[in-house]
Protein backbone atom coordinates (compact mmCIF):
# COMPACT_ATOMS: atom_id res chain seq x y z
CA UNK A 1 0.00 0.00 0.00
CA UNK A 2 1.31 3.42 -0.86
CA UNK A 3 1.50 6.34 1.49
CA UNK A 4 -0.69 9.16 0.20
CA UNK A 5 0.62 11.76 2.67
CA UNK A 6 2.42 14.52 0.86
CA UNK A 7 5.07 16.45 2.67
CA UNK A 8 7.65 18.97 1.53
CA UNK A 9 10.45 16.37 1.32
CA UNK A 10 8.47 14.00 -0.90
CA UNK A 11 7.45 16.86 -3.18
CA UNK A 12 11.02 18.17 -3.50
CA UNK A 13 12.47 14.71 -4.15
CA UNK A 14 9.78 13.51 -6.60
CA UNK A 15 11.63 14.61 -9.74
CA UNK A 16 15.04 13.15 -8.77
CA UNK A 17 13.38 9.87 -7.71
CA UNK A 18 11.47 9.76 -11.00
CA UNK A 19 14.68 10.32 -12.95
CA UNK A 20 16.43 7.59 -10.98
CA UNK A 21 13.62 5.11 -11.62
CA UNK A 22 13.45 5.94 -15.36
CA UNK A 23 17.12 6.44 -16.13
CA UNK A 24 17.27 3.57 -18.64
CA UNK A 25 14.48 5.09 -20.75
CA UNK A 26 16.01 8.56 -20.47
CA UNK A 27 19.45 7.37 -21.59
CA UNK A 28 18.16 5.38 -24.57
CA UNK A 29 15.99 8.34 -25.64
CA UNK A 30 19.00 10.69 -25.51
CA UNK A 31 21.16 8.18 -27.39
CA UNK A 32 18.61 7.69 -30.14
CA UNK A 33 17.96 11.43 -30.33
CA UNK A 34 21.72 12.02 -30.65
CA UNK A 35 21.98 9.38 -33.36
CA UNK A 36 19.17 11.05 -35.30
CA UNK A 37 20.93 14.40 -34.88
CA UNK A 38 24.12 12.96 -36.37
CA UNK A 39 22.16 11.36 -39.22
CA UNK A 40 20.43 14.66 -39.90
CA UNK A 41 23.73 16.56 -40.00
CA UNK A 42 25.19 14.15 -42.57
CA UNK A 43 22.38 14.96 -45.00
CA UNK A 44 21.25 11.35 -45.29
CA UNK A 45 17.89 12.25 -43.78
CA UNK A 46 17.21 14.91 -46.42
CA UNK A 47 18.23 12.49 -49.16
CA UNK A 48 15.88 9.88 -47.72
CA UNK A 49 13.02 12.37 -47.51
CA UNK A 50 13.53 13.44 -51.15
CA UNK A 51 13.65 9.80 -52.28
CA UNK A 52 10.46 8.90 -50.40
CA UNK A 53 8.65 11.99 -51.66
CA UNK A 54 9.53 11.01 -55.22
CA UNK A 55 8.38 7.41 -54.62
CA UNK A 56 5.05 8.35 -53.04
CA UNK A 57 4.22 11.54 -54.98
CA UNK A 58 1.49 9.79 -57.00
CA UNK A 59 0.10 7.74 -54.11
CA UNK A 60 0.57 9.93 -51.05
CA UNK A 61 -1.67 7.93 -48.73
CA UNK A 62 0.28 4.70 -49.26
CA UNK A 63 3.16 6.10 -47.22
CA UNK A 64 0.94 5.97 -44.14
CA UNK A 65 0.69 2.18 -44.42
CA UNK A 66 4.38 1.75 -45.18
CA UNK A 67 5.54 3.90 -42.26
CA UNK A 68 2.98 2.36 -39.91
CA UNK A 69 4.22 -1.13 -40.80
CA UNK A 70 7.84 -0.11 -40.19
CA UNK A 71 7.16 1.55 -36.83
CA UNK A 72 4.86 -1.24 -35.60
CA UNK A 73 7.47 -3.84 -36.57
CA UNK A 74 10.28 -2.04 -34.75
CA UNK A 75 8.19 -1.58 -31.62
CA UNK A 76 6.76 -5.11 -31.76
CA UNK A 77 10.28 -6.48 -31.90
CA UNK A 78 12.14 -4.37 -29.34
CA UNK A 79 9.19 -3.02 -27.29
CA UNK A 80 10.29 0.59 -26.92
CA UNK A 81 7.23 2.76 -27.61
CA UNK A 82 9.14 5.85 -26.48
CA UNK A 83 10.70 5.90 -29.95
CA UNK A 84 7.41 7.35 -31.22
CA UNK A 85 8.64 10.72 -30.01
CA UNK A 86 11.84 10.39 -32.02
CA UNK A 87 10.01 9.53 -35.25
CA UNK A 88 7.86 12.69 -35.29
CA UNK A 89 10.55 15.26 -36.24
CA UNK A 90 11.79 12.87 -38.94
CA UNK A 91 8.29 12.41 -40.37
CA UNK A 92 7.32 16.08 -40.49
CA UNK A 93 9.50 17.22 -43.43
CA UNK A 94 8.50 14.11 -45.39
CA UNK A 95 4.78 14.56 -44.83
CA UNK A 96 4.92 18.35 -45.36
CA UNK A 97 6.53 17.68 -48.75
CA UNK A 98 3.58 15.44 -49.61
CA UNK A 99 1.01 18.07 -48.60
CA UNK A 100 0.09 16.55 -45.24
CA UNK A 101 0.22 18.16 -41.80
CA UNK A 102 2.03 17.58 -38.51
CA UNK A 103 -1.07 15.96 -37.01
CA UNK A 104 -0.65 13.17 -39.58
CA UNK A 105 3.00 12.76 -38.57
CA UNK A 106 2.08 12.49 -34.90
CA UNK A 107 -0.82 10.12 -35.65
CA UNK A 108 1.32 7.77 -37.74
CA UNK A 109 4.05 7.67 -35.12
CA UNK A 110 1.83 7.20 -32.08
CA UNK A 111 -0.75 4.80 -33.50
CA UNK A 112 1.81 2.57 -35.21
CA UNK A 113 4.06 2.28 -32.17
CA UNK A 114 1.03 1.69 -29.92
CA UNK A 115 -0.13 -1.08 -32.27
CA UNK A 116 3.31 -2.71 -32.23
CA UNK A 117 3.64 -2.45 -28.46
CA UNK A 118 0.09 -3.59 -27.66
CA UNK A 119 0.69 -7.08 -29.00
CA UNK A 120 4.48 -7.15 -29.25
CA UNK A 121 5.78 -10.51 -30.39
CA UNK A 122 9.27 -10.40 -28.91
CA UNK A 123 9.63 -7.35 -26.68
CA UNK A 124 12.02 -8.58 -23.96
CA UNK A 125 10.71 -6.31 -21.19
CA UNK A 126 7.05 -7.27 -21.64
CA UNK A 127 6.77 -10.61 -23.43
CA UNK A 128 10.01 -12.15 -22.17
CA UNK A 129 9.58 -11.22 -18.52
CA UNK A 130 5.82 -11.85 -18.64
CA UNK A 131 6.29 -15.37 -19.97
CA UNK A 132 8.97 -16.05 -17.40
CA UNK A 133 6.73 -14.87 -14.55
CA UNK A 134 3.76 -16.90 -15.84
CA UNK A 135 5.92 -20.01 -16.36
CA UNK A 136 5.05 -20.10 -20.06
CA UNK A 137 7.43 -21.26 -22.76
CA UNK A 138 9.49 -18.26 -23.86
CA UNK A 139 7.77 -16.38 -26.70
CA UNK A 140 4.93 -18.89 -27.01
CA UNK A 141 1.86 -17.59 -28.82
CA UNK A 142 3.99 -15.44 -31.10
CA UNK A 143 1.88 -16.23 -34.17
CA UNK A 144 -1.27 -14.85 -32.55
CA UNK A 145 0.57 -11.71 -31.43
CA UNK A 146 1.97 -11.13 -34.93
CA UNK A 147 -1.52 -11.42 -36.43
CA UNK A 148 -2.84 -9.06 -33.75
CA UNK A 149 -0.12 -6.48 -34.52
CA UNK A 150 -0.93 -6.68 -38.24
CA UNK A 151 -4.66 -6.18 -37.58
CA UNK A 152 -4.10 -3.30 -35.13
CA UNK A 153 -1.65 -1.63 -37.52
CA UNK A 154 -4.05 -1.89 -40.45
CA UNK A 155 -6.88 -0.43 -38.38
CA UNK A 156 -4.77 2.46 -37.09
CA UNK A 157 -3.22 3.22 -40.50
CA UNK A 158 -6.67 3.21 -42.09
CA UNK A 159 -7.90 5.64 -39.44
CA UNK A 160 -4.95 7.98 -40.10
CA UNK A 161 -5.45 7.60 -43.86
CA UNK A 162 -9.06 8.85 -43.63
CA UNK A 163 -7.86 11.95 -41.77
CA UNK A 164 -4.95 12.50 -44.19
CA UNK A 165 -7.25 12.22 -47.20
CA UNK A 166 -9.39 15.04 -45.78
CA UNK A 167 -6.28 17.19 -45.29
CA UNK A 168 -5.15 16.54 -48.87
CA UNK A 169 -8.59 17.52 -50.17
CA UNK A 170 -8.85 20.64 -48.02
CA UNK A 171 -5.74 21.71 -46.09
CA UNK A 172 -7.73 24.35 -44.18
CA UNK A 173 -9.43 21.65 -42.08
CA UNK A 174 -6.13 20.82 -40.37
CA UNK A 175 -6.22 21.92 -36.73
CA UNK A 176 -2.47 22.53 -36.99
CA UNK A 177 -1.39 25.52 -39.04
C-alpha atoms as a PDB file:
ATOM      1  CA  UNK A   1       0.000   0.000   0.000  1.00  0.00           C
ATOM      2  CA  UNK A   2       1.306   3.422  -0.860  1.00  0.00           C
ATOM      3  CA  UNK A   3       1.496   6.341   1.492  1.00  0.00           C
ATOM      4  CA  UNK A   4      -0.692   9.164   0.203  1.00  0.00           C
ATOM      5  CA  UNK A   5       0.617  11.757   2.667  1.00  0.00           C
ATOM      6  CA  UNK A   6       2.417  14.518   0.864  1.00  0.00           C
ATOM      7  CA  UNK A   7       5.072  16.447   2.668  1.00  0.00           C
ATOM      8  CA  UNK A   8       7.652  18.967   1.533  1.00  0.00           C
ATOM      9  CA  UNK A   9      10.446  16.373   1.323  1.00  0.00           C
ATOM     10  CA  UNK A  10       8.467  13.996  -0.901  1.00  0.00           C
ATOM     11  CA  UNK A  11       7.446  16.862  -3.182  1.00  0.00           C
ATOM     12  CA  UNK A  12      11.021  18.171  -3.503  1.00  0.00           C
ATOM     13  CA  UNK A  13      12.472  14.713  -4.150  1.00  0.00           C
ATOM     14  CA  UNK A  14       9.781  13.513  -6.600  1.00  0.00           C
ATOM     15  CA  UNK A  15      11.632  14.607  -9.740  1.00  0.00           C
ATOM     16  CA  UNK A  16      15.037  13.148  -8.767  1.00  0.00           C
ATOM     17  CA  UNK A  17      13.377   9.873  -7.708  1.00  0.00           C
ATOM     18  CA  UNK A  18      11.469   9.759 -10.999  1.00  0.00           C
ATOM     19  CA  UNK A  19      14.678  10.320 -12.951  1.00  0.00           C
ATOM     20  CA  UNK A  20      16.434   7.593 -10.976  1.00  0.00           C
ATOM     21  CA  UNK A  21      13.617   5.113 -11.617  1.00  0.00           C
ATOM     22  CA  UNK A  22      13.452   5.940 -15.357  1.00  0.00           C
ATOM     23  CA  UNK A  23      17.120   6.443 -16.135  1.00  0.00           C
ATOM     24  CA  UNK A  24      17.273   3.573 -18.644  1.00  0.00           C
ATOM     25  CA  UNK A  25      14.480   5.090 -20.747  1.00  0.00           C
ATOM     26  CA  UNK A  26      16.013   8.565 -20.466  1.00  0.00           C
ATOM     27  CA  UNK A  27      19.450   7.373 -21.585  1.00  0.00           C
ATOM     28  CA  UNK A  28      18.155   5.385 -24.574  1.00  0.00           C
ATOM     29  CA  UNK A  29      15.987   8.336 -25.636  1.00  0.00           C
ATOM     30  CA  UNK A  30      19.000  10.685 -25.509  1.00  0.00           C
ATOM     31  CA  UNK A  31      21.164   8.185 -27.389  1.00  0.00           C
ATOM     32  CA  UNK A  32      18.607   7.694 -30.141  1.00  0.00           C
ATOM     33  CA  UNK A  33      17.965  11.430 -30.334  1.00  0.00           C
ATOM     34  CA  UNK A  34      21.718  12.016 -30.654  1.00  0.00           C
ATOM     35  CA  UNK A  35      21.979   9.378 -33.363  1.00  0.00           C
ATOM     36  CA  UNK A  36      19.167  11.047 -35.303  1.00  0.00           C
ATOM     37  CA  UNK A  37      20.930  14.399 -34.878  1.00  0.00           C
ATOM     38  CA  UNK A  38      24.117  12.957 -36.371  1.00  0.00           C
ATOM     39  CA  UNK A  39      22.159  11.360 -39.218  1.00  0.00           C
ATOM     40  CA  UNK A  40      20.427  14.664 -39.903  1.00  0.00           C
ATOM     41  CA  UNK A  41      23.732  16.563 -39.997  1.00  0.00           C
ATOM     42  CA  UNK A  42      25.186  14.153 -42.568  1.00  0.00           C
ATOM     43  CA  UNK A  43      22.377  14.964 -44.996  1.00  0.00           C
ATOM     44  CA  UNK A  44      21.246  11.352 -45.293  1.00  0.00           C
ATOM     45  CA  UNK A  45      17.890  12.249 -43.781  1.00  0.00           C
ATOM     46  CA  UNK A  46      17.209  14.906 -46.422  1.00  0.00           C
ATOM     47  CA  UNK A  47      18.230  12.485 -49.164  1.00  0.00           C
ATOM     48  CA  UNK A  48      15.885   9.876 -47.722  1.00  0.00           C
ATOM     49  CA  UNK A  49      13.022  12.375 -47.514  1.00  0.00           C
ATOM     50  CA  UNK A  50      13.528  13.435 -51.145  1.00  0.00           C
ATOM     51  CA  UNK A  51      13.647   9.796 -52.275  1.00  0.00           C
ATOM     52  CA  UNK A  52      10.457   8.897 -50.396  1.00  0.00           C
ATOM     53  CA  UNK A  53       8.645  11.994 -51.664  1.00  0.00           C
ATOM     54  CA  UNK A  54       9.533  11.007 -55.222  1.00  0.00           C
ATOM     55  CA  UNK A  55       8.376   7.405 -54.616  1.00  0.00           C
ATOM     56  CA  UNK A  56       5.046   8.352 -53.045  1.00  0.00           C
ATOM     57  CA  UNK A  57       4.215  11.540 -54.983  1.00  0.00           C
ATOM     58  CA  UNK A  58       1.492   9.791 -57.004  1.00  0.00           C
ATOM     59  CA  UNK A  59       0.099   7.740 -54.111  1.00  0.00           C
ATOM     60  CA  UNK A  60       0.570   9.934 -51.047  1.00  0.00           C
ATOM     61  CA  UNK A  61      -1.667   7.935 -48.727  1.00  0.00           C
ATOM     62  CA  UNK A  62       0.278   4.701 -49.256  1.00  0.00           C
ATOM     63  CA  UNK A  63       3.164   6.099 -47.222  1.00  0.00           C
ATOM     64  CA  UNK A  64       0.942   5.967 -44.138  1.00  0.00           C
ATOM     65  CA  UNK A  65       0.686   2.183 -44.424  1.00  0.00           C
ATOM     66  CA  UNK A  66       4.380   1.746 -45.178  1.00  0.00           C
ATOM     67  CA  UNK A  67       5.540   3.904 -42.262  1.00  0.00           C
ATOM     68  CA  UNK A  68       2.980   2.357 -39.908  1.00  0.00           C
ATOM     69  CA  UNK A  69       4.217  -1.131 -40.797  1.00  0.00           C
ATOM     70  CA  UNK A  70       7.842  -0.113 -40.193  1.00  0.00           C
ATOM     71  CA  UNK A  71       7.158   1.553 -36.828  1.00  0.00           C
ATOM     72  CA  UNK A  72       4.864  -1.238 -35.597  1.00  0.00           C
ATOM     73  CA  UNK A  73       7.466  -3.837 -36.574  1.00  0.00           C
ATOM     74  CA  UNK A  74      10.275  -2.042 -34.751  1.00  0.00           C
ATOM     75  CA  UNK A  75       8.186  -1.576 -31.616  1.00  0.00           C
ATOM     76  CA  UNK A  76       6.763  -5.115 -31.757  1.00  0.00           C
ATOM     77  CA  UNK A  77      10.280  -6.479 -31.899  1.00  0.00           C
ATOM     78  CA  UNK A  78      12.137  -4.369 -29.335  1.00  0.00           C
ATOM     79  CA  UNK A  79       9.194  -3.024 -27.292  1.00  0.00           C
ATOM     80  CA  UNK A  80      10.292   0.594 -26.921  1.00  0.00           C
ATOM     81  CA  UNK A  81       7.230   2.760 -27.611  1.00  0.00           C
ATOM     82  CA  UNK A  82       9.136   5.854 -26.478  1.00  0.00           C
ATOM     83  CA  UNK A  83      10.696   5.900 -29.948  1.00  0.00           C
ATOM     84  CA  UNK A  84       7.414   7.348 -31.217  1.00  0.00           C
ATOM     85  CA  UNK A  85       8.638  10.724 -30.010  1.00  0.00           C
ATOM     86  CA  UNK A  86      11.844  10.395 -32.015  1.00  0.00           C
ATOM     87  CA  UNK A  87      10.006   9.533 -35.248  1.00  0.00           C
ATOM     88  CA  UNK A  88       7.861  12.688 -35.289  1.00  0.00           C
ATOM     89  CA  UNK A  89      10.553  15.255 -36.241  1.00  0.00           C
ATOM     90  CA  UNK A  90      11.788  12.867 -38.935  1.00  0.00           C
ATOM     91  CA  UNK A  91       8.290  12.415 -40.373  1.00  0.00           C
ATOM     92  CA  UNK A  92       7.319  16.083 -40.491  1.00  0.00           C
ATOM     93  CA  UNK A  93       9.500  17.215 -43.427  1.00  0.00           C
ATOM     94  CA  UNK A  94       8.503  14.113 -45.386  1.00  0.00           C
ATOM     95  CA  UNK A  95       4.784  14.562 -44.830  1.00  0.00           C
ATOM     96  CA  UNK A  96       4.920  18.345 -45.356  1.00  0.00           C
ATOM     97  CA  UNK A  97       6.527  17.685 -48.747  1.00  0.00           C
ATOM     98  CA  UNK A  98       3.584  15.437 -49.607  1.00  0.00           C
ATOM     99  CA  UNK A  99       1.010  18.073 -48.597  1.00  0.00           C
ATOM    100  CA  UNK A 100       0.095  16.552 -45.237  1.00  0.00           C
ATOM    101  CA  UNK A 101       0.217  18.159 -41.798  1.00  0.00           C
ATOM    102  CA  UNK A 102       2.026  17.581 -38.510  1.00  0.00           C
ATOM    103  CA  UNK A 103      -1.074  15.963 -37.014  1.00  0.00           C
ATOM    104  CA  UNK A 104      -0.652  13.173 -39.576  1.00  0.00           C
ATOM    105  CA  UNK A 105       2.999  12.756 -38.565  1.00  0.00           C
ATOM    106  CA  UNK A 106       2.075  12.488 -34.898  1.00  0.00           C
ATOM    107  CA  UNK A 107      -0.817  10.122 -35.650  1.00  0.00           C
ATOM    108  CA  UNK A 108       1.318   7.767 -37.744  1.00  0.00           C
ATOM    109  CA  UNK A 109       4.048   7.669 -35.123  1.00  0.00           C
ATOM    110  CA  UNK A 110       1.825   7.201 -32.082  1.00  0.00           C
ATOM    111  CA  UNK A 111      -0.753   4.804 -33.505  1.00  0.00           C
ATOM    112  CA  UNK A 112       1.806   2.571 -35.208  1.00  0.00           C
ATOM    113  CA  UNK A 113       4.063   2.283 -32.168  1.00  0.00           C
ATOM    114  CA  UNK A 114       1.031   1.690 -29.924  1.00  0.00           C
ATOM    115  CA  UNK A 115      -0.128  -1.082 -32.270  1.00  0.00           C
ATOM    116  CA  UNK A 116       3.306  -2.706 -32.230  1.00  0.00           C
ATOM    117  CA  UNK A 117       3.638  -2.448 -28.460  1.00  0.00           C
ATOM    118  CA  UNK A 118       0.091  -3.594 -27.658  1.00  0.00           C
ATOM    119  CA  UNK A 119       0.690  -7.085 -29.003  1.00  0.00           C
ATOM    120  CA  UNK A 120       4.485  -7.153 -29.245  1.00  0.00           C
ATOM    121  CA  UNK A 121       5.780 -10.507 -30.386  1.00  0.00           C
ATOM    122  CA  UNK A 122       9.270 -10.399 -28.913  1.00  0.00           C
ATOM    123  CA  UNK A 123       9.632  -7.347 -26.675  1.00  0.00           C
ATOM    124  CA  UNK A 124      12.017  -8.578 -23.962  1.00  0.00           C
ATOM    125  CA  UNK A 125      10.712  -6.307 -21.190  1.00  0.00           C
ATOM    126  CA  UNK A 126       7.053  -7.270 -21.640  1.00  0.00           C
ATOM    127  CA  UNK A 127       6.772 -10.608 -23.426  1.00  0.00           C
ATOM    128  CA  UNK A 128      10.009 -12.149 -22.173  1.00  0.00           C
ATOM    129  CA  UNK A 129       9.583 -11.216 -18.524  1.00  0.00           C
ATOM    130  CA  UNK A 130       5.817 -11.848 -18.645  1.00  0.00           C
ATOM    131  CA  UNK A 131       6.287 -15.369 -19.973  1.00  0.00           C
ATOM    132  CA  UNK A 132       8.967 -16.054 -17.398  1.00  0.00           C
ATOM    133  CA  UNK A 133       6.728 -14.868 -14.546  1.00  0.00           C
ATOM    134  CA  UNK A 134       3.763 -16.898 -15.841  1.00  0.00           C
ATOM    135  CA  UNK A 135       5.915 -20.009 -16.364  1.00  0.00           C
ATOM    136  CA  UNK A 136       5.046 -20.102 -20.060  1.00  0.00           C
ATOM    137  CA  UNK A 137       7.432 -21.259 -22.765  1.00  0.00           C
ATOM    138  CA  UNK A 138       9.493 -18.257 -23.859  1.00  0.00           C
ATOM    139  CA  UNK A 139       7.773 -16.376 -26.697  1.00  0.00           C
ATOM    140  CA  UNK A 140       4.935 -18.888 -27.010  1.00  0.00           C
ATOM    141  CA  UNK A 141       1.859 -17.593 -28.821  1.00  0.00           C
ATOM    142  CA  UNK A 142       3.991 -15.438 -31.104  1.00  0.00           C
ATOM    143  CA  UNK A 143       1.876 -16.230 -34.173  1.00  0.00           C
ATOM    144  CA  UNK A 144      -1.266 -14.846 -32.546  1.00  0.00           C
ATOM    145  CA  UNK A 145       0.565 -11.712 -31.434  1.00  0.00           C
ATOM    146  CA  UNK A 146       1.973 -11.128 -34.928  1.00  0.00           C
ATOM    147  CA  UNK A 147      -1.516 -11.423 -36.426  1.00  0.00           C
ATOM    148  CA  UNK A 148      -2.839  -9.059 -33.749  1.00  0.00           C
ATOM    149  CA  UNK A 149      -0.118  -6.483 -34.519  1.00  0.00           C
ATOM    150  CA  UNK A 150      -0.933  -6.681 -38.237  1.00  0.00           C
ATOM    151  CA  UNK A 151      -4.662  -6.179 -37.584  1.00  0.00           C
ATOM    152  CA  UNK A 152      -4.099  -3.295 -35.134  1.00  0.00           C
ATOM    153  CA  UNK A 153      -1.649  -1.627 -37.519  1.00  0.00           C
ATOM    154  CA  UNK A 154      -4.046  -1.894 -40.449  1.00  0.00           C
ATOM    155  CA  UNK A 155      -6.880  -0.433 -38.384  1.00  0.00           C
ATOM    156  CA  UNK A 156      -4.765   2.459 -37.086  1.00  0.00           C
ATOM    157  CA  UNK A 157      -3.218   3.215 -40.500  1.00  0.00           C
ATOM    158  CA  UNK A 158      -6.666   3.211 -42.094  1.00  0.00           C
ATOM    159  CA  UNK A 159      -7.902   5.642 -39.441  1.00  0.00           C
ATOM    160  CA  UNK A 160      -4.947   7.977 -40.098  1.00  0.00           C
ATOM    161  CA  UNK A 161      -5.451   7.605 -43.857  1.00  0.00           C
ATOM    162  CA  UNK A 162      -9.056   8.845 -43.631  1.00  0.00           C
ATOM    163  CA  UNK A 163      -7.862  11.947 -41.771  1.00  0.00           C
ATOM    164  CA  UNK A 164      -4.952  12.501 -44.189  1.00  0.00           C
ATOM    165  CA  UNK A 165      -7.250  12.221 -47.199  1.00  0.00           C
ATOM    166  CA  UNK A 166      -9.392  15.039 -45.776  1.00  0.00           C
ATOM    167  CA  UNK A 167      -6.285  17.195 -45.294  1.00  0.00           C
ATOM    168  CA  UNK A 168      -5.148  16.542 -48.867  1.00  0.00           C
ATOM    169  CA  UNK A 169      -8.587  17.523 -50.173  1.00  0.00           C
ATOM    170  CA  UNK A 170      -8.855  20.643 -48.020  1.00  0.00           C
ATOM    171  CA  UNK A 171      -5.735  21.708 -46.087  1.00  0.00           C
ATOM    172  CA  UNK A 172      -7.730  24.348 -44.183  1.00  0.00           C
ATOM    173  CA  UNK A 173      -9.428  21.651 -42.079  1.00  0.00           C
ATOM    174  CA  UNK A 174      -6.126  20.817 -40.373  1.00  0.00           C
ATOM    175  CA  UNK A 175      -6.217  21.916 -36.727  1.00  0.00           C
ATOM    176  CA  UNK A 176      -2.471  22.534 -36.991  1.00  0.00           C
ATOM    177  CA  UNK A 177      -1.395  25.525 -39.038  1.00  0.00           C
END
